[in-house]
Amino acid sequence: MPKPKLAAKNLEVLSELMLIEELAYKKCDLYSRSFKDDALQTQCKDLAQNHKARFNALHDYLNSHN
């Protein structure tokens, strides 16, 4: 069975979401390395991993429609 193709608007939205998640990951990762407080470092690392997971989920979804 052929994979369904995504509409151009949906591809645009996915692309924007992926860029947002990538930027949020990079910022949280940078902040986690700049804080001296262990609790803040841990919280930022957790946030970074959450953004990375969402980026990967979007990427996997996109690949499933190619």
PDB file of N, CA and C in Angstrom:
ATOM      1  N   MET A   1       0.848  -1.184   0.000  1.00  0.00           N
ATOM      2  CA  MET A   1       0.000   0.000   0.000  1.00  0.00           C
ATOM      3  C   MET A   1       0.891   1.246   0.000  1.00  0.00           C
ATOM      4  N   PRO A   2       0.657   2.181  -0.926  1.00  0.00           N
ATOM      5  CA  PRO A   2       1.485   3.395  -0.976  1.00  0.00           C
ATOM      6  C   PRO A   2       1.271   4.270   0.258  1.00  0.00           C
ATOM      7  N   LYS A   3       2.350   4.930   0.629  1.00  0.00           N
ATOM      8  CA  LYS A   3       2.281   5.836   1.776  1.00  0.00           C
ATOM      9  C   LYS A   3       1.542   7.111   1.377  1.00  0.00           C
ATOM     10  N   PRO A   4       0.702   7.644   2.263  1.00  0.00           N
ATOM     11  CA  PRO A   4       0.006   8.896   1.931  1.00  0.00           C
ATOM     12  C   PRO A   4       0.987  10.061   1.868  1.00  0.00           C
ATOM     13  N   LYS A   5       0.796  10.920   0.918  1.00  0.00           N
ATOM     14  CA  LYS A   5       1.641  12.111   0.764  1.00  0.00           C
ATOM     15  C   LYS A   5       1.056  13.254   1.590  1.00  0.00           C
ATOM     16  N   LEU A   6       1.941  14.064   2.097  1.00  0.00           N
ATOM     17  CA  LEU A   6       1.517  15.224   2.884  1.00  0.00           C
ATOM     18  C   LEU A   6       1.278  16.418   1.969  1.00  0.00           C
ATOM     19  N   ALA A   7       0.285  17.200   2.301  1.00  0.00           N
ATOM     20  CA  ALA A   7      -0.002  18.427   1.562  1.00  0.00           C
ATOM     21  C   ALA A   7       1.110  19.441   1.824  1.00  0.00           C
ATOM     22  N   ALA A   8       1.287  20.356   0.898  1.00  0.00           N
ATOM     23  CA  ALA A   8       2.347  21.361   1.005  1.00  0.00           C
ATOM     24  C   ALA A   8       2.225  22.165   2.296  1.00  0.00           C
ATOM     25  N   LYS A   9       1.010  22.532   2.660  1.00  0.00           N
ATOM     26  CA  LYS A   9       0.811  23.318   3.896  1.00  0.00           C
ATOM     27  C   LYS A   9       1.223  22.506   5.118  1.00  0.00           C
ATOM     28  N   ASN A  10       0.909  21.207   5.123  1.00  0.00           N
ATOM     29  CA  ASN A  10       1.304  20.357   6.244  1.00  0.00           C
ATOM     30  C   ASN A  10       2.819  20.210   6.327  1.00  0.00           C
ATOM     31  N   LEU A  11       3.468  20.122   5.178  1.00  0.00           N
ATOM     32  CA  LEU A  11       4.933  20.065   5.167  1.00  0.00           C
ATOM     33  C   LEU A  11       5.539  21.351   5.722  1.00  0.00           C
ATOM     34  N   GLU A  12       4.933  22.466   5.372  1.00  0.00           N
ATOM     35  CA  GLU A  12       5.400  23.759   5.861  1.00  0.00           C
ATOM     36  C   GLU A  12       5.264  23.841   7.380  1.00  0.00           C
ATOM     37  N   VAL A  13       4.142  23.393   7.898  1.00  0.00           N
ATOM     38  CA  VAL A  13       3.904  23.413   9.345  1.00  0.00           C
ATOM     39  C   VAL A  13       4.892  22.489  10.050  1.00  0.00           C
ATOM     40  N   LEU A  14       5.085  21.283   9.510  1.00  0.00           N
ATOM     41  CA  LEU A  14       6.042  20.350  10.102  1.00  0.00           C
ATOM     42  C   LEU A  14       7.455  20.940  10.117  1.00  0.00           C
ATOM     43  N   SER A  15       7.814  21.581   9.028  1.00  0.00           N
ATOM     44  CA  SER A  15       9.131  22.196   8.933  1.00  0.00           C
ATOM     45  C   SER A  15       9.315  23.280  10.005  1.00  0.00           C
ATOM     46  N   GLU A  16       8.305  24.107  10.168  1.00  0.00           N
ATOM     47  CA  GLU A  16       8.371  25.163  11.182  1.00  0.00           C
ATOM     48  C   GLU A  16       8.462  24.576  12.591  1.00  0.00           C
ATOM     49  N   LEU A  17       7.660  23.551  12.860  1.00  0.00           N
ATOM     50  CA  LEU A  17       7.695  22.913  14.176  1.00  0.00           C
ATOM     51  C   LEU A  17       9.057  22.294  14.453  1.00  0.00           C
ATOM     52  N   MET A  18       9.640  21.674  13.444  1.00  0.00           N
ATOM     53  CA  MET A  18      10.961  21.071  13.621  1.00  0.00           C
ATOM     54  C   MET A  18      12.018  22.133  13.898  1.00  0.00           C
ATOM     55  N   LEU A  19      11.930  23.255  13.200  1.00  0.00           N
ATOM     56  CA  LEU A  19      12.888  24.346  13.450  1.00  0.00           C
ATOM     57  C   LEU A  19      12.740  24.901  14.867  1.00  0.00           C
ATOM     58  N   ILE A  20      11.497  25.038  15.310  1.00  0.00           N
ATOM     59  CA  ILE A  20      11.249  25.540  16.663  1.00  0.00           C
ATOM     60  C   ILE A  20      11.799  24.581  17.706  1.00  0.00           C
ATOM     61  N   GLU A  21      11.541  23.286  17.523  1.00  0.00           N
ATOM     62  CA  GLU A  21      12.026  22.292  18.479  1.00  0.00           C
ATOM     63  C   GLU A  21      13.550  22.232  18.479  1.00  0.00           C
ATOM     64  N   GLU A  22      14.157  22.342  17.303  1.00  0.00           N
ATOM     65  CA  GLU A  22      15.612  22.326  17.220  1.00  0.00           C
ATOM     66  C   GLU A  22      16.213  23.526  17.959  1.00  0.00           C
ATOM     67  N   LEU A  23      15.647  24.687  17.732  1.00  0.00           N
ATOM     68  CA  LEU A  23      16.144  25.894  18.399  1.00  0.00           C
ATOM     69  C   LEU A  23      15.951  25.808  19.906  1.00  0.00           C
ATOM     70  N   ALA A  24      14.798  25.329  20.338  1.00  0.00           N
ATOM     71  CA  ALA A  24      14.528  25.191  21.774  1.00  0.00           C
ATOM     72  C   ALA A  24      15.504  24.198  22.404  1.00  0.00           C
ATOM     73  N   TYR A  25      15.788  23.103  21.688  1.00  0.00           N
ATOM     74  CA  TYR A  25      16.761  22.129  22.193  1.00  0.00           C
ATOM     75  C   TYR A  25      18.129  22.788  22.368  1.00  0.00           C
ATOM     76  N   LYS A  26      18.575  23.504  21.340  1.00  0.00           N
ATOM     77  CA  LYS A  26      19.895  24.139  21.394  1.00  0.00           C
ATOM     78  C   LYS A  26      19.983  25.156  22.531  1.00  0.00           C
ATOM     79  N   LYS A  27      18.927  25.936  22.716  1.00  0.00           N
ATOM     80  CA  LYS A  27      18.929  26.926  23.798  1.00  0.00           C
ATOM     81  C   LYS A  27      18.976  26.262  25.160  1.00  0.00           C
ATOM     82  N   CYS A  28      18.135  25.250  25.358  1.00  0.00           N
ATOM     83  CA  CYS A  28      18.114  24.567  26.652  1.00  0.00           C
ATOM     84  C   CYS A  28      19.442  23.876  26.927  1.00  0.00           C
ATOM     85  N   ASP A  29      20.031  23.281  25.894  1.00  0.00           N
ATOM     86  CA  ASP A  29      21.332  22.633  26.052  1.00  0.00           C
ATOM     87  C   ASP A  29      22.403  23.653  26.431  1.00  0.00           C
ATOM     88  N   LEU A  30      22.388  24.802  25.772  1.00  0.00           N
ATOM     89  CA  LEU A  30      23.340  25.866  26.083  1.00  0.00           C
ATOM     90  C   LEU A  30      23.154  26.356  27.515  1.00  0.00           C
ATOM     91  N   TYR A  31      21.894  26.595  27.908  1.00  0.00           N
ATOM     92  CA  TYR A  31      21.622  27.058  29.269  1.00  0.00           C
ATOM     93  C   TYR A  31      22.048  26.025  30.296  1.00  0.00           C
ATOM     94  N   SER A  32      21.831  24.752  29.994  1.00  0.00           N
ATOM     95  CA  SER A  32      22.192  23.714  30.971  1.00  0.00           C
ATOM     96  C   SER A  32      23.691  23.701  31.240  1.00  0.00           C
ATOM     97  N   ARG A  33      24.467  24.081  30.238  1.00  0.00           N
ATOM     98  CA  ARG A  33      25.921  24.119  30.423  1.00  0.00           C
ATOM     99  C   ARG A  33      26.398  25.430  31.048  1.00  0.00           C
ATOM    100  N   SER A  34      25.536  26.438  31.077  1.00  0.00           N
ATOM    101  CA  SER A  34      25.975  27.731  31.614  1.00  0.00           C
ATOM    102  C   SER A  34      25.588  27.927  33.077  1.00  0.00           C
ATOM    103  N   PHE A  35      24.591  27.202  33.568  1.00  0.00           N
ATOM    104  CA  PHE A  35      24.174  27.353  34.961  1.00  0.00           C
ATOM    105  C   PHE A  35      25.148  26.653  35.901  1.00  0.00           C
ATOM    106  N   LYS A  36      25.378  27.258  37.027  1.00  0.00           N
ATOM    107  CA  LYS A  36      26.216  26.647  38.063  1.00  0.00           C
ATOM    108  C   LYS A  36      25.366  25.808  39.023  1.00  0.00           C
ATOM    109  N   ASP A  37      24.106  26.183  39.177  1.00  0.00           N
ATOM    110  CA  ASP A  37      23.186  25.484  40.068  1.00  0.00           C
ATOM    111  C   ASP A  37      22.797  24.127  39.463  1.00  0.00           C
ATOM    112  N   ASP A  38      23.001  23.052  40.243  1.00  0.00           N
ATOM    113  CA  ASP A  38      22.719  21.704  39.753  1.00  0.00           C
ATOM    114  C   ASP A  38      21.244  21.506  39.390  1.00  0.00           C
ATOM    115  N   ALA A  39      20.355  22.076  40.181  1.00  0.00           N
ATOM    116  CA  ALA A  39      18.926  21.914  39.920  1.00  0.00           C
ATOM    117  C   ALA A  39      18.540  22.567  38.595  1.00  0.00           C
ATOM    118  N   LEU A  40      19.093  23.745  38.326  1.00  0.00           N
ATOM    119  CA  LEU A  40      18.805  24.424  37.055  1.00  0.00           C
ATOM    120  C   LEU A  40      19.418  23.673  35.873  1.00  0.00           C
ATOM    121  N   GLN A  41      20.626  23.161  36.081  1.00  0.00           N
ATOM    122  CA  GLN A  41      21.254  22.368  35.026  1.00  0.00           C
ATOM    123  C   GLN A  41      20.405  21.151  34.681  1.00  0.00           C
ATOM    124  N   THR A  42      19.954  20.458  35.700  1.00  0.00           N
ATOM    125  CA  THR A  42      19.143  19.260  35.494  1.00  0.00           C
ATOM    126  C   THR A  42      17.834  19.601  34.799  1.00  0.00           C
ATOM    127  N   GLN A  43      17.188  20.665  35.245  1.00  0.00           N
ATOM    128  CA  GLN A  43      15.923  21.060  34.633  1.00  0.00           C
ATOM    129  C   GLN A  43      16.122  21.415  33.156  1.00  0.00           C
ATOM    130  N   CYS A  44      17.166  22.145  32.844  1.00  0.00           N
ATOM    131  CA  CYS A  44      17.429  22.518  31.449  1.00  0.00           C
ATOM    132  C   CYS A  44      17.802  21.297  30.613  1.00  0.00           C
ATOM    133  N   LYS A  45      18.551  20.365  31.179  1.00  0.00           N
ATOM    134  CA  LYS A  45      18.878  19.133  30.454  1.00  0.00           C
ATOM    135  C   LYS A  45      17.611  18.343  30.151  1.00  0.00           C
ATOM    136  N   ASP A  46      16.712  18.268  31.131  1.00  0.00           N
ATOM    137  CA  ASP A  46      15.445  17.566  30.924  1.00  0.00           C
ATOM    138  C   ASP A  46      14.620  18.240  29.827  1.00  0.00           C
ATOM    139  N   LEU A  47      14.565  19.570  29.873  1.00  0.00           N
ATOM    140  CA  LEU A  47      13.833  20.312  28.836  1.00  0.00           C
ATOM    141  C   LEU A  47      14.455  20.084  27.463  1.00  0.00           C
ATOM    142  N   ALA A  48      15.787  20.081  27.407  1.00  0.00           N
ATOM    143  CA  ALA A  48      16.475  19.851  26.137  1.00  0.00           C
ATOM    144  C   ALA A  48      16.125  18.475  25.581  1.00  0.00           C
ATOM    145  N   GLN A  49      16.125  17.475  26.437  1.00  0.00           N
ATOM    146  CA  GLN A  49      15.796  16.124  25.980  1.00  0.00           C
ATOM    147  C   GLN A  49      14.342  16.033  25.508  1.00  0.00           C
ATOM    148  N   ASN A  50      13.441  16.745  26.171  1.00  0.00           N
ATOM    149  CA  ASN A  50      12.045  16.764  25.739  1.00  0.00           C
ATOM    150  C   ASN A  50      11.913  17.382  24.343  1.00  0.00           C
ATOM    151  N   HIS A  51      12.623  18.477  24.111  1.00  0.00           N
ATOM    152  CA  HIS A  51      12.586  19.116  22.788  1.00  0.00           C
ATOM    153  C   HIS A  51      13.201  18.199  21.732  1.00  0.00           C
ATOM    154  N   LYS A  52      14.286  17.521  22.093  1.00  0.00           N
ATOM    155  CA  LYS A  52      14.928  16.601  21.162  1.00  0.00           C
ATOM    156  C   LYS A  52      13.985  15.452  20.811  1.00  0.00           C
ATOM    157  N   ALA A  53      13.273  14.936  21.805  1.00  0.00           N
ATOM    158  CA  ALA A  53      12.325  13.838  21.571  1.00  0.00           C
ATOM    159  C   ALA A  53      11.193  14.286  20.649  1.00  0.00           C
ATOM    160  N   ARG A  54      10.693  15.506  20.851  1.00  0.00           N
ATOM    161  CA  ARG A  54       9.628  16.013  19.983  1.00  0.00           C
ATOM    162  C   ARG A  54      10.142  16.225  18.550  1.00  0.00           C
ATOM    163  N   PHE A  55      11.366  16.736  18.425  1.00  0.00           N
ATOM    164  CA  PHE A  55      11.969  16.897  17.103  1.00  0.00           C
ATOM    165  C   PHE A  55      12.066  15.541  16.415  1.00  0.00           C
ATOM    166  N   ASN A  56      12.555  14.542  17.135  1.00  0.00           N
ATOM    167  CA  ASN A  56      12.704  13.203  16.558  1.00  0.00           C
ATOM    168  C   ASN A  56      11.351  12.603  16.175  1.00  0.00           C
ATOM    169  N   ALA A  57      10.336  12.844  16.987  1.00  0.00           N
ATOM    170  CA  ALA A  57       8.997  12.344  16.671  1.00  0.00           C
ATOM    171  C   ALA A  57       8.475  12.998  15.387  1.00  0.00           C
ATOM    172  N   LEU A  58       8.682  14.292  15.249  1.00  0.00           N
ATOM    173  CA  LEU A  58       8.268  14.989  14.027  1.00  0.00           C
ATOM    174  C   LEU A  58       9.052  14.472  12.817  1.00  0.00           C
ATOM    175  N   HIS A  59      10.330  14.261  13.010  1.00  0.00           N
ATOM    176  CA  HIS A  59      11.193  13.754  11.941  1.00  0.00           C
ATOM    177  C   HIS A  59      10.730  12.357  11.514  1.00  0.00           C
ATOM    178  N   ASP A  60      10.452  11.502  12.472  1.00  0.00           N
ATOM    179  CA  ASP A  60       9.968  10.151  12.162  1.00  0.00           C
ATOM    180  C   ASP A  60       8.629  10.199  11.429  1.00  0.00           C
ATOM    181  N   TYR A  61       7.746  11.088  11.861  1.00  0.00           N
ATOM    182  CA  TYR A  61       6.453  11.241  11.198  1.00  0.00           C
ATOM    183  C   TYR A  61       6.655  11.678   9.756  1.00  0.00           C
ATOM    184  N   LEU A  62       7.540  12.645   9.558  1.00  0.00           N
ATOM    185  CA  LEU A  62       7.826  13.136   8.210  1.00  0.00           C
ATOM    186  C   LEU A  62       8.386  12.016   7.347  1.00  0.00           C
ATOM    187  N   ASN A  63       9.310  11.246   7.878  1.00  0.00           N
ATOM    188  CA  ASN A  63       9.910  10.146   7.114  1.00  0.00           C
ATOM    189  C   ASN A  63       8.905   9.047   6.790  1.00  0.00           C
ATOM    190  N   SER A  64       7.907   8.885   7.629  1.00  0.00           N
ATOM    191  CA  SER A  64       6.903   7.841   7.381  1.00  0.00           C
ATOM    192  C   SER A  64       5.995   8.186   6.209  1.00  0.00           C
ATOM    193  N   HIS A  65       6.054   9.437   5.756  1.00  0.00           N
ATOM    194  CA  HIS A  65       5.202   9.878   4.649  1.00  0.00           C
ATOM    195  C   HIS A  65       6.011  10.141   3.374  1.00  0.00           C
ATOM    196  N   ASN A  66       7.241   9.712   3.346  1.00  0.00           N
ATOM    197  CA  ASN A  66       8.070   9.901   2.133  1.00  0.00           C
ATOM    198  C   ASN A  66       8.026   8.669   1.271  1.00  0.00           C
TER     199      ASN A  66
END
